[in-house]
Amino acid sequence: MDRKGFTLIELLVVIVILGILATFIVPKIMEKPDEARVVKAKNDIMTFVTALKMYKMDNGMYPTTLQGLKALIKKPTIPPIPQHYKPGGYLDVDKIPLDPWGHPYIYRSPGEDGRPFEIISLGADGKVGGTGVDADIKSWELH
């Protein structure tokens, strides 16, 4: 007898094996996007930090809170006006990106506790505090 195809038992065994594998693999895969978003937020903040340091080297000051991170892509028109602003700005983007969860980054200058500036992503929940992917990501904690 020449058999072509699979029996119902063989198909059920394959489905059970795939189900068992999925219970172990899917949770690991589902955690990765959250981890990737945290890494992206940290990378964005470090890019801002580098651009802010270049801004300060050229102009002797950081942008004010009111001028915001926008000062890194377009010369501020709100005083204090930088005197040696780099043509083309300090970031190669048209607008300041949102954090990976769609919230604006928080920029303050001066920052708290004597910091010259601070940049914060409020994490996945968009609220102050939190743990895991909801935890705030702060520029001064990344060094």
C-alpha atoms as a PDB file:
ATOM      1  CA  MET A   1       0.000   0.000   0.000  1.00  0.00           C
ATOM      2  CA  ASP A   2       1.481   3.335  -1.112  1.00  0.00           C
ATOM      3  CA  ARG A   3       0.765   6.030   1.552  1.00  0.00           C
ATOM      4  CA  LYS A   4       0.704   9.665   0.504  1.00  0.00           C
ATOM      5  CA  GLY A   5       0.017  12.293   3.140  1.00  0.00           C
ATOM      6  CA  PHE A   6      -0.280  12.188   6.918  1.00  0.00           C
ATOM      7  CA  THR A   7      -2.649  10.395   9.229  1.00  0.00           C
ATOM      8  CA  LEU A   8      -4.821  12.307  11.666  1.00  0.00           C
ATOM      9  CA  ILE A   9      -2.637  11.096  14.566  1.00  0.00           C
ATOM     10  CA  GLU A  10       0.532  12.367  12.901  1.00  0.00           C
ATOM     11  CA  LEU A  11      -1.059  15.776  12.311  1.00  0.00           C
ATOM     12  CA  LEU A  12      -2.248  15.959  15.918  1.00  0.00           C
ATOM     13  CA  VAL A  13       1.232  15.104  17.212  1.00  0.00           C
ATOM     14  CA  VAL A  14       2.761  17.878  15.071  1.00  0.00           C
ATOM     15  CA  ILE A  15       0.125  20.379  16.289  1.00  0.00           C
ATOM     16  CA  VAL A  16       0.759  19.445  19.941  1.00  0.00           C
ATOM     17  CA  ILE A  17       4.525  19.835  19.474  1.00  0.00           C
ATOM     18  CA  LEU A  18       4.047  23.247  17.825  1.00  0.00           C
ATOM     19  CA  GLY A  19       1.726  24.281  20.656  1.00  0.00           C
ATOM     20  CA  ILE A  20       4.285  23.286  23.280  1.00  0.00           C
ATOM     21  CA  LEU A  21       7.041  25.183  21.454  1.00  0.00           C
ATOM     22  CA  ALA A  22       4.789  28.233  21.130  1.00  0.00           C
ATOM     23  CA  THR A  23       4.136  28.350  24.880  1.00  0.00           C
ATOM     24  CA  PHE A  24       7.883  28.725  25.476  1.00  0.00           C
ATOM     25  CA  ILE A  25       8.868  30.875  22.500  1.00  0.00           C
ATOM     26  CA  VAL A  26       5.990  33.370  22.164  1.00  0.00           C
ATOM     27  CA  PRO A  27       6.438  34.957  25.623  1.00  0.00           C
ATOM     28  CA  LYS A  28      10.139  35.509  24.882  1.00  0.00           C
ATOM     29  CA  ILE A  29       9.346  37.117  21.538  1.00  0.00           C
ATOM     30  CA  MET A  30       6.593  39.272  23.042  1.00  0.00           C
ATOM     31  CA  GLU A  31       9.047  40.772  25.584  1.00  0.00           C
ATOM     32  CA  LYS A  32      11.499  41.875  22.883  1.00  0.00           C
ATOM     33  CA  PRO A  33       9.511  44.847  21.498  1.00  0.00           C
ATOM     34  CA  ASP A  34       9.338  46.388  24.984  1.00  0.00           C
ATOM     35  CA  GLU A  35      13.064  45.860  25.486  1.00  0.00           C
ATOM     36  CA  ALA A  36      13.751  47.367  22.057  1.00  0.00           C
ATOM     37  CA  ARG A  37      11.683  50.458  22.921  1.00  0.00           C
ATOM     38  CA  VAL A  38      13.669  50.989  26.130  1.00  0.00           C
ATOM     39  CA  VAL A  39      16.945  50.713  24.189  1.00  0.00           C
ATOM     40  CA  LYS A  40      15.640  53.144  21.548  1.00  0.00           C
ATOM     41  CA  ALA A  41      14.652  55.697  24.209  1.00  0.00           C
ATOM     42  CA  LYS A  42      18.084  55.429  25.838  1.00  0.00           C
ATOM     43  CA  ASN A  43      19.787  55.863  22.460  1.00  0.00           C
ATOM     44  CA  ASP A  44      17.616  58.887  21.616  1.00  0.00           C
ATOM     45  CA  ILE A  45      18.434  60.507  24.957  1.00  0.00           C
ATOM     46  CA  MET A  46      22.168  59.894  24.519  1.00  0.00           C
ATOM     47  CA  THR A  47      21.952  61.444  21.028  1.00  0.00           C
ATOM     48  CA  PHE A  48      20.286  64.515  22.563  1.00  0.00           C
ATOM     49  CA  VAL A  49      22.967  64.673  25.267  1.00  0.00           C
ATOM     50  CA  THR A  50      25.747  64.631  22.666  1.00  0.00           C
ATOM     51  CA  ALA A  51      24.004  67.312  20.584  1.00  0.00           C
ATOM     52  CA  LEU A  52      23.442  69.465  23.689  1.00  0.00           C
ATOM     53  CA  LYS A  53      27.134  69.268  24.575  1.00  0.00           C
ATOM     54  CA  MET A  54      28.056  70.387  21.051  1.00  0.00           C
ATOM     55  CA  TYR A  55      25.513  73.225  21.322  1.00  0.00           C
ATOM     56  CA  LYS A  56      27.102  74.347  24.578  1.00  0.00           C
ATOM     57  CA  MET A  57      30.631  74.167  23.152  1.00  0.00           C
ATOM     58  CA  ASP A  58      29.572  76.464  20.306  1.00  0.00           C
ATOM     59  CA  ASN A  59      27.375  78.851  22.293  1.00  0.00           C
ATOM     60  CA  GLY A  60      28.600  78.709  25.889  1.00  0.00           C
ATOM     61  CA  MET A  61      25.186  77.665  27.215  1.00  0.00           C
ATOM     62  CA  TYR A  62      22.525  75.001  26.907  1.00  0.00           C
ATOM     63  CA  PRO A  63      19.127  75.803  25.393  1.00  0.00           C
ATOM     64  CA  THR A  64      16.637  76.965  28.012  1.00  0.00           C
ATOM     65  CA  THR A  65      13.620  74.879  28.973  1.00  0.00           C
ATOM     66  CA  LEU A  66      11.468  77.248  26.908  1.00  0.00           C
ATOM     67  CA  GLN A  67      13.708  76.863  23.855  1.00  0.00           C
ATOM     68  CA  GLY A  68      13.585  73.113  24.351  1.00  0.00           C
ATOM     69  CA  LEU A  69      15.143  70.358  22.315  1.00  0.00           C
ATOM     70  CA  LYS A  70      13.875  72.170  19.189  1.00  0.00           C
ATOM     71  CA  ALA A  71      16.925  74.407  19.617  1.00  0.00           C
ATOM     72  CA  LEU A  72      19.008  71.474  18.417  1.00  0.00           C
ATOM     73  CA  ILE A  73      17.405  71.550  14.966  1.00  0.00           C
ATOM     74  CA  LYS A  74      16.507  75.227  14.493  1.00  0.00           C
ATOM     75  CA  LYS A  75      18.177  78.347  15.851  1.00  0.00           C
ATOM     76  CA  PRO A  76      16.093  79.681  18.736  1.00  0.00           C
ATOM     77  CA  THR A  77      14.321  83.014  18.318  1.00  0.00           C
ATOM     78  CA  ILE A  78      13.545  83.193  22.040  1.00  0.00           C
ATOM     79  CA  PRO A  79      16.324  84.788  24.149  1.00  0.00           C
ATOM     80  CA  PRO A  80      19.016  84.002  24.895  1.00  0.00           C
ATOM     81  CA  ILE A  81      19.799  83.806  21.170  1.00  0.00           C
ATOM     82  CA  PRO A  82      22.881  81.645  20.501  1.00  0.00           C
ATOM     83  CA  GLN A  83      25.631  83.680  18.814  1.00  0.00           C
ATOM     84  CA  HIS A  84      27.546  80.813  17.185  1.00  0.00           C
ATOM     85  CA  TYR A  85      24.741  78.459  16.154  1.00  0.00           C
ATOM     86  CA  LYS A  86      25.969  75.720  13.824  1.00  0.00           C
ATOM     87  CA  PRO A  87      24.469  76.019  10.308  1.00  0.00           C
ATOM     88  CA  GLY A  88      22.081  73.099   9.875  1.00  0.00           C
ATOM     89  CA  GLY A  89      21.648  72.596  13.605  1.00  0.00           C
ATOM     90  CA  TYR A  90      22.907  69.844  15.876  1.00  0.00           C
ATOM     91  CA  LEU A  91      20.614  66.982  14.901  1.00  0.00           C
ATOM     92  CA  ASP A  92      19.993  65.654  11.416  1.00  0.00           C
ATOM     93  CA  VAL A  93      16.186  65.545  11.714  1.00  0.00           C
ATOM     94  CA  ASP A  94      13.313  67.814  10.716  1.00  0.00           C
ATOM     95  CA  LYS A  95      11.577  67.593  14.096  1.00  0.00           C
ATOM     96  CA  ILE A  96      12.330  66.231  17.539  1.00  0.00           C
ATOM     97  CA  PRO A  97      11.072  62.637  17.659  1.00  0.00           C
ATOM     98  CA  LEU A  98       8.628  61.370  20.244  1.00  0.00           C
ATOM     99  CA  ASP A  99       9.792  58.623  22.560  1.00  0.00           C
ATOM    100  CA  PRO A 100       9.124  55.045  21.376  1.00  0.00           C
ATOM    101  CA  TRP A 101       5.738  55.049  23.137  1.00  0.00           C
ATOM    102  CA  GLY A 102       4.571  58.220  21.372  1.00  0.00           C
ATOM    103  CA  HIS A 103       5.167  60.680  24.232  1.00  0.00           C
ATOM    104  CA  PRO A 104       7.306  63.812  24.000  1.00  0.00           C
ATOM    105  CA  TYR A 105      10.668  63.753  25.740  1.00  0.00           C
ATOM    106  CA  ILE A 106      10.853  66.114  28.707  1.00  0.00           C
ATOM    107  CA  TYR A 107      13.699  68.630  28.601  1.00  0.00           C
ATOM    108  CA  ARG A 108      14.583  71.012  31.412  1.00  0.00           C
ATOM    109  CA  SER A 109      17.499  73.379  31.700  1.00  0.00           C
ATOM    110  CA  PRO A 110      18.623  73.898  34.297  1.00  0.00           C
ATOM    111  CA  GLY A 111      17.691  70.542  35.745  1.00  0.00           C
ATOM    112  CA  GLU A 112      17.156  69.565  39.350  1.00  0.00           C
ATOM    113  CA  ASP A 113      19.950  68.915  41.866  1.00  0.00           C
ATOM    114  CA  GLY A 114      22.373  71.234  40.071  1.00  0.00           C
ATOM    115  CA  ARG A 115      22.280  69.368  36.769  1.00  0.00           C
ATOM    116  CA  PRO A 116      22.776  71.704  33.798  1.00  0.00           C
ATOM    117  CA  PHE A 117      19.933  69.935  31.950  1.00  0.00           C
ATOM    118  CA  GLU A 118      17.822  66.801  32.078  1.00  0.00           C
ATOM    119  CA  ILE A 119      16.022  64.737  29.471  1.00  0.00           C
ATOM    120  CA  ILE A 120      13.382  62.231  30.506  1.00  0.00           C
ATOM    121  CA  SER A 121      11.173  59.649  28.834  1.00  0.00           C
ATOM    122  CA  LEU A 122       8.283  58.654  31.065  1.00  0.00           C
ATOM    123  CA  GLY A 123       8.321  55.083  29.748  1.00  0.00           C
ATOM    124  CA  ALA A 124       5.469  53.020  28.376  1.00  0.00           C
ATOM    125  CA  ASP A 125       2.790  54.381  30.725  1.00  0.00           C
ATOM    126  CA  GLY A 126       3.649  58.064  30.116  1.00  0.00           C
ATOM    127  CA  LYS A 127       3.492  58.724  33.878  1.00  0.00           C
ATOM    128  CA  VAL A 128       6.145  59.704  36.406  1.00  0.00           C
ATOM    129  CA  GLY A 129       7.701  56.706  38.149  1.00  0.00           C
ATOM    130  CA  GLY A 130       6.896  53.131  37.344  1.00  0.00           C
ATOM    131  CA  THR A 131       8.812  49.888  37.046  1.00  0.00           C
ATOM    132  CA  GLY A 132       9.907  47.720  34.150  1.00  0.00           C
ATOM    133  CA  VAL A 133       8.934  49.256  30.804  1.00  0.00           C
ATOM    134  CA  ASP A 134       6.866  51.868  32.674  1.00  0.00           C
ATOM    135  CA  ALA A 135       9.981  53.178  34.463  1.00  0.00           C
ATOM    136  CA  ASP A 136      11.233  56.661  33.636  1.00  0.00           C
ATOM    137  CA  ILE A 137      14.422  56.840  31.577  1.00  0.00           C
ATOM    138  CA  LYS A 138      16.576  59.761  32.735  1.00  0.00           C
ATOM    139  CA  SER A 139      19.593  61.264  31.004  1.00  0.00           C
ATOM    140  CA  TRP A 140      21.680  61.538  34.172  1.00  0.00           C
ATOM    141  CA  GLU A 141      21.237  57.820  34.920  1.00  0.00           C
ATOM    142  CA  LEU A 142      22.615  56.678  31.552  1.00  0.00           C
ATOM    143  CA  HIS A 143      26.258  57.634  32.075  1.00  0.00           C
END
